[in-house]
N, C-alpha and C. Protein backbone atom coordinates (compact mmCIF):
# COMPACT_ATOMS: atom_id res chain seq x y z
N MET A 1 -58.95 42.93 3.07
CA MET A 1 -58.27 42.09 1.74
C MET A 1 -57.27 43.41 1.05
N THR A 2 -56.36 42.93 0.14
CA THR A 2 -55.68 43.95 -0.46
C THR A 2 -56.31 43.97 -2.13
N LYS A 3 -56.43 44.95 -2.27
CA LYS A 3 -56.51 45.20 -3.64
C LYS A 3 -55.75 44.49 -5.04
N GLY A 4 -56.33 43.77 -5.82
CA GLY A 4 -55.18 43.06 -6.71
C GLY A 4 -55.32 43.67 -7.90
N THR A 5 -54.03 43.33 -8.59
CA THR A 5 -53.84 43.95 -9.88
C THR A 5 -54.38 43.60 -11.41
N LYS A 6 -55.37 44.49 -12.25
CA LYS A 6 -56.02 43.89 -12.92
C LYS A 6 -54.76 43.71 -14.00
N ILE A 7 -55.04 42.32 -14.80
CA ILE A 7 -54.07 41.86 -15.88
C ILE A 7 -54.91 42.11 -17.02
N PRO A 8 -54.41 42.84 -17.86
CA PRO A 8 -55.37 42.94 -19.11
C PRO A 8 -55.37 41.59 -19.81
N ARG A 9 -56.50 41.15 -20.45
CA ARG A 9 -56.63 39.68 -20.86
C ARG A 9 -57.41 39.60 -22.16
N ASN A 10 -57.06 38.87 -23.29
CA ASN A 10 -58.10 39.17 -24.60
C ASN A 10 -58.64 37.63 -24.42
N ALA A 11 -59.97 37.83 -24.30
CA ALA A 11 -61.11 36.95 -24.42
C ALA A 11 -61.02 35.71 -25.50
N GLN A 12 -60.84 36.04 -26.26
CA GLN A 12 -60.40 35.13 -27.67
C GLN A 12 -59.53 34.38 -27.64
N SER A 13 -58.29 34.84 -27.49
CA SER A 13 -56.96 34.02 -27.11
C SER A 13 -56.77 33.49 -25.87
N GLY A 14 -57.28 34.09 -24.92
CA GLY A 14 -56.61 33.77 -23.71
C GLY A 14 -55.54 33.84 -23.13
N LYS A 15 -54.93 34.91 -23.91
CA LYS A 15 -53.56 35.49 -23.60
C LYS A 15 -53.68 36.72 -23.11
N PHE A 16 -52.28 37.01 -21.99
CA PHE A 16 -52.77 38.12 -21.36
C PHE A 16 -51.48 38.86 -21.18
N VAL A 17 -51.30 40.28 -21.06
CA VAL A 17 -49.87 41.06 -21.23
C VAL A 17 -49.41 41.28 -20.02
N LEU A 18 -48.05 41.19 -19.54
CA LEU A 18 -47.30 41.66 -18.52
C LEU A 18 -46.58 42.94 -18.68
N GLY A 19 -46.43 43.92 -17.91
CA GLY A 19 -46.22 44.81 -17.85
C GLY A 19 -44.65 44.73 -17.50
N GLU A 20 -43.80 46.06 -17.74
CA GLU A 20 -42.51 45.53 -17.49
C GLU A 20 -42.09 45.54 -16.22
N ARG A 21 -42.64 46.08 -15.25
CA ARG A 21 -42.71 45.85 -13.59
C ARG A 21 -43.31 44.37 -13.58
N ALA A 22 -44.05 44.10 -13.74
CA ALA A 22 -44.51 42.46 -13.12
C ALA A 22 -43.51 41.63 -13.99
N PHE A 23 -43.13 42.11 -15.25
CA PHE A 23 -42.23 40.99 -15.90
C PHE A 23 -41.08 40.72 -15.16
N ARG A 24 -40.35 41.91 -14.74
CA ARG A 24 -39.31 41.77 -14.02
C ARG A 24 -39.21 40.93 -12.37
N LYS A 25 -40.24 41.27 -11.77
CA LYS A 25 -40.92 40.60 -10.37
C LYS A 25 -40.94 39.36 -10.80
N ILE A 26 -41.60 38.79 -11.65
CA ILE A 26 -41.85 37.32 -11.85
C ILE A 26 -40.52 36.78 -12.22
N SER A 27 -39.51 37.54 -13.60
CA SER A 27 -37.94 37.30 -13.27
C SER A 27 -37.34 37.20 -12.16
N ALA A 28 -37.35 37.89 -11.34
CA ALA A 28 -36.20 37.97 -10.21
C ALA A 28 -37.14 36.48 -9.77
N VAL A 29 -38.05 35.93 -9.31
CA VAL A 29 -38.47 34.80 -8.74
C VAL A 29 -37.88 33.39 -9.16
N GLU A 30 -37.97 33.45 -10.61
CA GLU A 30 -37.24 32.27 -11.48
C GLU A 30 -36.03 32.74 -11.55
N GLY A 31 -35.50 33.69 -10.93
CA GLY A 31 -33.76 33.33 -11.49
C GLY A 31 -33.39 34.27 -12.65
N ILE A 32 -34.23 34.72 -13.64
CA ILE A 32 -33.96 35.07 -14.64
C ILE A 32 -33.87 36.44 -14.77
N LYS A 33 -32.63 37.16 -15.37
CA LYS A 33 -32.18 38.59 -15.46
C LYS A 33 -32.15 38.66 -17.14
N PRO A 34 -33.18 39.91 -17.43
CA PRO A 34 -32.87 40.37 -18.67
C PRO A 34 -31.17 40.73 -19.17
N SER A 35 -31.11 40.58 -20.70
CA SER A 35 -29.55 41.03 -21.01
C SER A 35 -29.59 42.19 -21.11
N LYS A 36 -28.46 43.07 -20.79
CA LYS A 36 -28.05 44.20 -21.11
C LYS A 36 -28.70 45.00 -22.05
N ARG A 37 -28.26 44.10 -22.94
CA ARG A 37 -29.15 44.57 -24.57
C ARG A 37 -30.81 44.68 -24.36
N LEU A 38 -31.50 44.00 -23.59
CA LEU A 38 -32.65 43.88 -23.79
C LEU A 38 -32.88 45.42 -22.72
N SER A 39 -32.35 45.38 -21.58
CA SER A 39 -32.33 46.44 -20.79
C SER A 39 -32.43 47.86 -21.78
N VAL A 40 -31.33 47.62 -22.60
CA VAL A 40 -30.92 49.22 -23.29
C VAL A 40 -32.36 49.26 -24.14
N ASP A 41 -32.42 48.39 -24.87
CA ASP A 41 -33.76 48.48 -25.78
C ASP A 41 -35.00 48.87 -25.21
N LEU A 42 -35.26 48.39 -23.95
CA LEU A 42 -36.73 48.74 -23.34
C LEU A 42 -36.48 50.48 -23.06
N ALA A 43 -34.99 50.84 -22.41
CA ALA A 43 -35.08 51.97 -22.11
C ALA A 43 -35.15 52.88 -23.36
N HIS A 44 -35.07 52.64 -24.62
CA HIS A 44 -35.23 53.49 -25.68
C HIS A 44 -36.70 53.61 -26.19
N VAL A 45 -37.03 52.43 -25.78
CA VAL A 45 -38.68 52.37 -26.40
C VAL A 45 -39.72 52.73 -25.48
N ARG A 46 -39.35 53.14 -24.27
CA ARG A 46 -39.92 53.57 -23.00
C ARG A 46 -41.05 54.90 -23.40
N ASP A 47 -40.72 55.64 -24.28
CA ASP A 47 -41.86 56.52 -24.40
C ASP A 47 -42.02 56.85 -25.28
N LEU A 48 -42.13 55.75 -26.34
CA LEU A 48 -42.84 55.44 -27.83
C LEU A 48 -44.44 54.99 -27.32
N PRO A 49 -45.42 55.50 -28.10
CA PRO A 49 -46.60 54.63 -28.18
C PRO A 49 -46.70 53.15 -27.89
N ALA A 50 -47.80 52.66 -27.20
CA ALA A 50 -47.50 50.90 -27.20
C ALA A 50 -47.57 50.35 -28.59
N GLU A 51 -48.10 50.72 -29.40
CA GLU A 51 -48.17 49.75 -30.57
C GLU A 51 -46.64 49.74 -31.33
N GLU A 52 -46.47 51.03 -31.53
CA GLU A 52 -44.63 51.38 -31.92
C GLU A 52 -43.53 50.52 -31.09
N ARG A 53 -44.00 50.56 -29.80
CA ARG A 53 -43.13 49.61 -28.89
C ARG A 53 -43.09 48.34 -29.18
N ARG A 54 -44.08 47.79 -29.59
CA ARG A 54 -44.65 46.19 -29.87
C ARG A 54 -44.04 46.12 -30.76
N LEU A 55 -44.18 46.84 -31.90
CA LEU A 55 -43.44 46.66 -33.40
C LEU A 55 -42.03 46.38 -33.29
N ILE A 56 -41.39 47.38 -32.76
CA ILE A 56 -40.05 47.50 -32.61
C ILE A 56 -39.36 46.08 -31.75
N LEU A 57 -39.98 45.85 -30.59
CA LEU A 57 -39.52 44.44 -29.65
C LEU A 57 -39.71 43.35 -30.33
N SER A 58 -41.07 43.20 -31.03
CA SER A 58 -41.66 42.13 -31.48
C SER A 58 -40.87 41.78 -32.79
N ASN A 59 -40.19 43.03 -33.37
CA ASN A 59 -39.51 42.24 -34.59
C ASN A 59 -37.85 42.03 -34.39
N LYS A 60 -37.60 42.59 -33.16
CA LYS A 60 -36.22 42.20 -32.83
C LYS A 60 -36.47 40.80 -32.04
N TYR A 61 -37.05 40.77 -31.00
CA TYR A 61 -36.95 39.89 -30.19
C TYR A 61 -37.98 38.69 -30.69
N GLY A 62 -38.99 38.86 -31.31
CA GLY A 62 -40.22 37.89 -31.70
C GLY A 62 -39.54 36.55 -32.32
N ARG A 63 -40.74 35.58 -32.51
CA ARG A 63 -40.00 34.54 -33.08
C ARG A 63 -40.60 34.63 -34.55
N LYS A 64 -39.70 34.44 -35.52
CA LYS A 64 -39.94 34.71 -36.92
C LYS A 64 -40.76 33.60 -37.70
N LYS A 65 -41.75 34.18 -38.25
CA LYS A 65 -42.67 33.15 -38.97
C LYS A 65 -42.02 32.48 -40.04
N ALA A 66 -42.20 30.95 -40.25
CA ALA A 66 -41.29 30.64 -41.28
C ALA A 66 -42.31 30.52 -42.74
């Protein structure tokens, strides 16, 4: 049996986080390609701490609260 990949989960919210590699694999199966703009943004934030990465990407691509 092969060793599975652990996916970080939040027990309270039921949400889980996919890394960039997993996101790309799932997107490829679904036939979805990230935009060039997103690819450039991911390259720019790749070396930043996780909190800072999330803040930058969620401000730019996340849903705006009403």
